[in-house]
Amino acid sequence: MIRRKEVSENMDIDAVLEALGNESRRRILSLLSKKPCYVSEISYSLKMAPKTVIEHLEKLEKAGLIRSFEEGRRRYYYIDKTIRLEVLISPHRFKAYVGGDVDLEFKLDEISSIINNIQNFRAKTMSEMCRILEKADEMQRYFSKVQSMIASRLNEVFEGLIDEIERRIEDDVERLVMLALTKGICKDVEIAEAFGLSYSEVNRALESLMRKGIVKKVVDENGVVWKVG
């Protein structure tokens, strides 16, 4: 069981932006968000040459977005921490921020006051305008940290859910199917494609999980979907 963590160190924003600027590397990250993978697995799933995959993985690892570990003869790559990247582009400002820990000792009445000042902006002097800008920037930074905290807490819930899946389910395919459902992949075909499984394997696992009372089949406007519970 790999325990992910919240980002706490200062990251190189330029390296992160450069790493994320490539579509192939974003596809690799999307795949690794489902489960740890080794090079050949990534190459097969994303139809990339192994040499190209290795080059992308090296850049992602150098940027601090992924890590790796050895198991037998294979090296697995995985995402080990929650990172929230915010980029602001406006006519007057450009900034990038990687979210980390958050201090919630911010008074609600102060937030309300700042919002009220912004909504009822009537400043006439330069000093008044600057004060409003400072307060608005302060609140923007605060809410960015709150969003990072929420992402981190959601990650903790996912980790607990994965622990529970591993405790209750022994079959590897059933575990992958459950992992897919917790991540919002709810159609059998989509689960098969996301994890490189055969359609028959996925359906066997779903039927088994349904008999155990862990999942249920639901028909909605999107057709037949599977849900936990």
Protein backbone atom coordinates (compact mmCIF):
# COMPACT_ATOMS: atom_id res chain seq x y z
CA MET A 1 0.00 0.00 0.00
CA ILE A 2 1.53 3.30 -1.09
CA ARG A 3 0.74 6.16 1.24
CA ARG A 4 0.40 9.45 -0.60
CA LYS A 5 1.22 12.70 1.16
CA GLU A 6 0.40 16.35 0.99
CA VAL A 7 2.90 18.63 -0.71
CA SER A 8 4.80 20.63 1.88
CA GLU A 9 8.09 21.57 0.29
CA ASN A 10 8.66 24.44 -2.10
CA MET A 11 8.38 23.17 -5.66
CA ASP A 12 9.97 24.63 -8.77
CA ILE A 13 6.97 26.24 -10.48
CA ASP A 14 8.76 26.51 -13.83
CA ALA A 15 9.67 22.80 -13.77
CA VAL A 16 6.09 21.84 -12.90
CA LEU A 17 4.61 24.02 -15.66
CA GLU A 18 7.10 22.67 -18.19
CA ALA A 19 6.30 19.09 -17.21
CA LEU A 20 2.55 19.67 -17.47
CA GLY A 21 2.87 21.53 -20.77
CA ASN A 22 3.31 18.27 -22.67
CA GLU A 23 0.15 16.32 -23.56
CA SER A 24 1.89 12.93 -23.36
CA ARG A 25 3.08 13.64 -19.83
CA ARG A 26 -0.43 14.70 -18.84
CA ARG A 27 -1.73 11.39 -20.22
CA ILE A 28 0.86 9.52 -18.16
CA LEU A 29 -0.22 11.39 -15.02
CA SER A 30 -3.84 10.53 -15.77
CA LEU A 31 -2.90 6.86 -16.02
CA LEU A 32 -0.82 6.97 -12.82
CA SER A 33 -3.74 8.59 -10.98
CA LYS A 34 -5.54 5.26 -11.44
CA LYS A 35 -2.73 3.01 -10.16
CA PRO A 36 1.09 2.65 -10.08
CA CYS A 37 2.45 1.45 -13.45
CA TYR A 38 5.72 0.18 -14.90
CA VAL A 39 7.22 1.37 -18.20
CA SER A 40 5.93 -1.44 -20.44
CA GLU A 41 2.44 -1.05 -18.98
CA ILE A 42 2.41 2.68 -19.71
CA SER A 43 3.84 2.07 -23.18
CA TYR A 44 1.10 -0.46 -24.00
CA SER A 45 -1.77 1.56 -22.51
CA LEU A 46 -0.83 4.87 -24.15
CA LYS A 47 0.67 3.47 -27.38
CA MET A 48 4.06 5.14 -26.79
CA ALA A 49 7.54 3.80 -27.42
CA PRO A 50 9.20 2.63 -24.16
CA LYS A 51 12.14 5.00 -24.72
CA THR A 52 9.74 7.94 -25.02
CA VAL A 53 7.87 6.85 -21.89
CA ILE A 54 11.13 6.72 -19.93
CA GLU A 55 12.07 10.24 -21.05
CA HIS A 56 8.68 11.60 -19.96
CA LEU A 57 8.85 9.78 -16.63
CA GLU A 58 12.29 11.24 -15.93
CA LYS A 59 10.97 14.77 -16.46
CA LEU A 60 7.91 14.16 -14.29
CA GLU A 61 10.10 12.70 -11.54
CA LYS A 62 12.58 15.58 -11.77
CA ALA A 63 9.70 18.06 -11.40
CA GLY A 64 8.61 16.27 -8.21
CA LEU A 65 5.26 15.13 -9.61
CA ILE A 66 5.90 11.39 -9.37
CA ARG A 67 8.17 8.90 -7.62
CA SER A 68 9.15 5.28 -8.25
CA PHE A 69 9.93 2.04 -6.44
CA GLU A 70 11.26 -1.37 -7.43
CA GLU A 71 9.28 -4.57 -7.04
CA GLY A 72 11.00 -7.65 -8.40
CA ARG A 73 12.46 -6.78 -11.78
CA ARG A 74 10.06 -3.93 -12.41
CA ARG A 75 10.20 -0.27 -11.48
CA TYR A 76 6.77 1.20 -10.73
CA TYR A 77 5.97 4.89 -11.03
CA TYR A 78 3.29 6.57 -8.94
CA ILE A 79 1.93 9.90 -7.69
CA ASP A 80 2.85 10.19 -4.01
CA LYS A 81 1.46 13.57 -2.96
CA THR A 82 -1.50 15.86 -3.39
CA ILE A 83 -0.57 18.90 -5.45
CA ARG A 84 -2.84 21.76 -6.38
CA LEU A 85 -1.49 24.09 -9.04
CA GLU A 86 -3.21 27.43 -9.59
CA VAL A 87 -2.37 29.71 -12.51
CA LEU A 88 -3.79 33.21 -12.69
CA ILE A 89 -3.65 35.12 -15.98
CA SER A 90 -5.28 38.55 -16.21
CA PRO A 91 -4.60 41.86 -18.00
CA HIS A 92 -2.60 43.02 -14.98
CA ARG A 93 -1.26 39.91 -13.27
CA PHE A 94 0.34 36.58 -13.98
CA LYS A 95 1.19 34.16 -11.17
CA ALA A 96 1.44 30.44 -10.51
CA TYR A 97 1.01 28.88 -7.11
CA VAL A 98 1.45 25.33 -5.80
CA GLY A 99 -0.86 24.76 -2.84
CA GLY A 100 0.27 23.12 0.37
CA ASP A 101 -0.61 23.30 4.06
CA VAL A 102 -3.29 25.72 5.21
CA ASP A 103 -3.87 27.62 8.43
CA LEU A 104 -7.61 27.99 9.03
CA GLU A 105 -7.28 30.64 11.75
CA PHE A 106 -8.99 33.11 9.46
CA LYS A 107 -12.08 34.72 10.97
CA LEU A 108 -15.33 34.36 9.06
CA ASP A 109 -16.41 37.89 9.95
CA GLU A 110 -13.18 39.20 8.41
CA ILE A 111 -13.86 37.27 5.21
CA SER A 112 -17.37 38.74 5.13
CA SER A 113 -15.94 42.23 5.61
CA ILE A 114 -13.46 41.79 2.75
CA ILE A 115 -16.18 40.51 0.41
CA ASN A 116 -18.40 43.44 1.36
CA ASN A 117 -15.59 45.92 0.68
CA ILE A 118 -14.94 44.40 -2.75
CA GLN A 119 -18.63 44.28 -3.70
CA ASN A 120 -19.22 47.85 -2.57
CA PHE A 121 -16.02 49.20 -4.03
CA ARG A 122 -16.19 53.01 -3.85
CA ALA A 123 -12.55 53.88 -3.23
CA LYS A 124 -11.56 57.29 -4.57
CA THR A 125 -7.94 57.67 -3.51
CA MET A 126 -4.92 55.62 -4.59
CA SER A 127 -4.27 54.49 -1.01
CA GLU A 128 -7.86 53.23 -0.64
CA MET A 129 -7.59 51.35 -3.93
CA CYS A 130 -4.31 49.74 -2.86
CA ARG A 131 -5.82 48.63 0.45
CA ILE A 132 -8.72 46.97 -1.37
CA LEU A 133 -6.27 45.21 -3.72
CA GLU A 134 -4.22 43.97 -0.77
CA LYS A 135 -7.30 42.61 1.01
CA ALA A 136 -8.60 40.96 -2.16
CA ASP A 137 -5.23 39.34 -2.79
CA GLU A 138 -5.10 38.14 0.81
CA MET A 139 -8.51 36.51 0.51
CA GLN A 140 -7.61 34.94 -2.84
CA ARG A 141 -4.50 33.35 -1.30
CA TYR A 142 -6.56 32.09 1.64
CA PHE A 143 -9.23 30.42 -0.48
CA SER A 144 -6.53 28.88 -2.66
CA LYS A 145 -5.10 27.28 0.49
CA VAL A 146 -8.58 26.11 1.54
CA GLN A 147 -9.00 24.37 -1.81
CA SER A 148 -5.61 22.68 -1.29
CA MET A 149 -6.74 21.52 2.14
CA ILE A 150 -9.97 20.08 0.72
CA ALA A 151 -8.00 18.21 -1.96
CA SER A 152 -5.71 16.81 0.73
CA ARG A 153 -8.62 15.66 2.91
CA LEU A 154 -10.30 14.01 -0.08
CA ASN A 155 -7.04 12.20 -0.70
CA GLU A 156 -7.11 10.91 2.89
CA VAL A 157 -10.65 9.60 2.35
CA PHE A 158 -9.52 7.83 -0.84
CA GLU A 159 -6.61 6.25 1.04
CA GLY A 160 -8.97 4.97 3.72
CA LEU A 161 -11.30 3.61 1.05
CA ILE A 162 -8.42 1.84 -0.72
CA ASP A 163 -7.35 0.30 2.59
CA GLU A 164 -10.90 -0.98 3.08
CA ILE A 165 -10.98 -2.41 -0.46
CA GLU A 166 -7.71 -4.25 0.13
CA ARG A 167 -8.98 -5.56 3.49
CA ARG A 168 -12.32 -6.85 2.21
CA ILE A 169 -11.49 -7.97 -1.34
CA GLU A 170 -8.84 -10.55 -2.23
CA ASP A 171 -9.30 -10.87 -6.00
CA ASP A 172 -6.98 -8.47 -7.88
CA VAL A 173 -9.41 -7.77 -10.73
CA GLU A 174 -12.23 -7.06 -8.28
CA ARG A 175 -9.94 -4.63 -6.47
CA LEU A 176 -9.21 -2.77 -9.70
CA VAL A 177 -12.91 -2.64 -10.55
CA MET A 178 -13.70 -1.22 -7.11
CA LEU A 179 -10.91 1.33 -7.50
CA ALA A 180 -12.41 2.39 -10.84
CA LEU A 181 -15.87 2.82 -9.30
CA THR A 182 -14.50 4.98 -6.47
CA LYS A 183 -12.89 7.23 -9.09
CA GLY A 184 -16.15 7.72 -10.94
CA ILE A 185 -15.58 5.23 -13.78
CA CYS A 186 -18.93 3.49 -13.72
CA LYS A 187 -19.37 1.69 -17.05
CA ASP A 188 -17.94 -1.78 -17.67
CA VAL A 189 -16.40 -0.83 -21.01
CA GLU A 190 -14.75 2.27 -19.53
CA ILE A 191 -13.34 0.25 -16.61
CA ALA A 192 -11.87 -2.29 -19.03
CA GLU A 193 -10.23 0.44 -21.11
CA ALA A 194 -8.93 2.40 -18.10
CA PHE A 195 -7.17 -0.57 -16.50
CA GLY A 196 -6.26 -2.63 -19.55
CA LEU A 197 -8.62 -5.46 -18.58
CA SER A 198 -10.77 -7.62 -20.82
CA TYR A 199 -14.49 -6.92 -20.97
CA SER A 200 -15.24 -10.44 -19.69
CA GLU A 201 -12.88 -10.01 -16.69
CA VAL A 202 -14.60 -6.78 -15.70
CA ASN A 203 -18.09 -8.25 -15.99
CA ARG A 204 -17.08 -11.33 -14.00
CA ALA A 205 -15.74 -9.08 -11.24
CA LEU A 206 -18.82 -6.85 -11.27
CA GLU A 207 -21.19 -9.82 -11.04
CA SER A 208 -19.15 -11.26 -8.16
CA LEU A 209 -19.12 -7.93 -6.30
CA MET A 210 -22.88 -7.58 -6.84
CA ARG A 211 -23.50 -11.04 -5.34
CA LYS A 212 -21.49 -9.95 -2.31
CA GLY A 213 -23.68 -6.86 -1.98
CA ILE A 214 -20.77 -4.46 -2.52
CA VAL A 215 -21.90 -2.95 -5.85
CA LYS A 216 -25.21 -2.52 -7.63
CA LYS A 217 -26.35 -2.12 -11.23
CA VAL A 218 -28.26 1.06 -12.01
CA VAL A 219 -30.04 2.16 -15.18
CA ASP A 220 -30.12 5.92 -15.75
CA GLU A 221 -30.11 8.34 -18.68
CA ASN A 222 -26.58 7.16 -19.55
CA GLY A 223 -27.61 3.52 -19.76
CA VAL A 224 -26.35 0.79 -17.44
CA VAL A 225 -23.86 1.99 -14.83
CA TRP A 226 -22.37 0.41 -11.71
CA LYS A 227 -22.20 2.00 -8.28
CA VAL A 228 -20.82 1.12 -4.86
CA GLY A 229 -23.34 0.19 -2.19
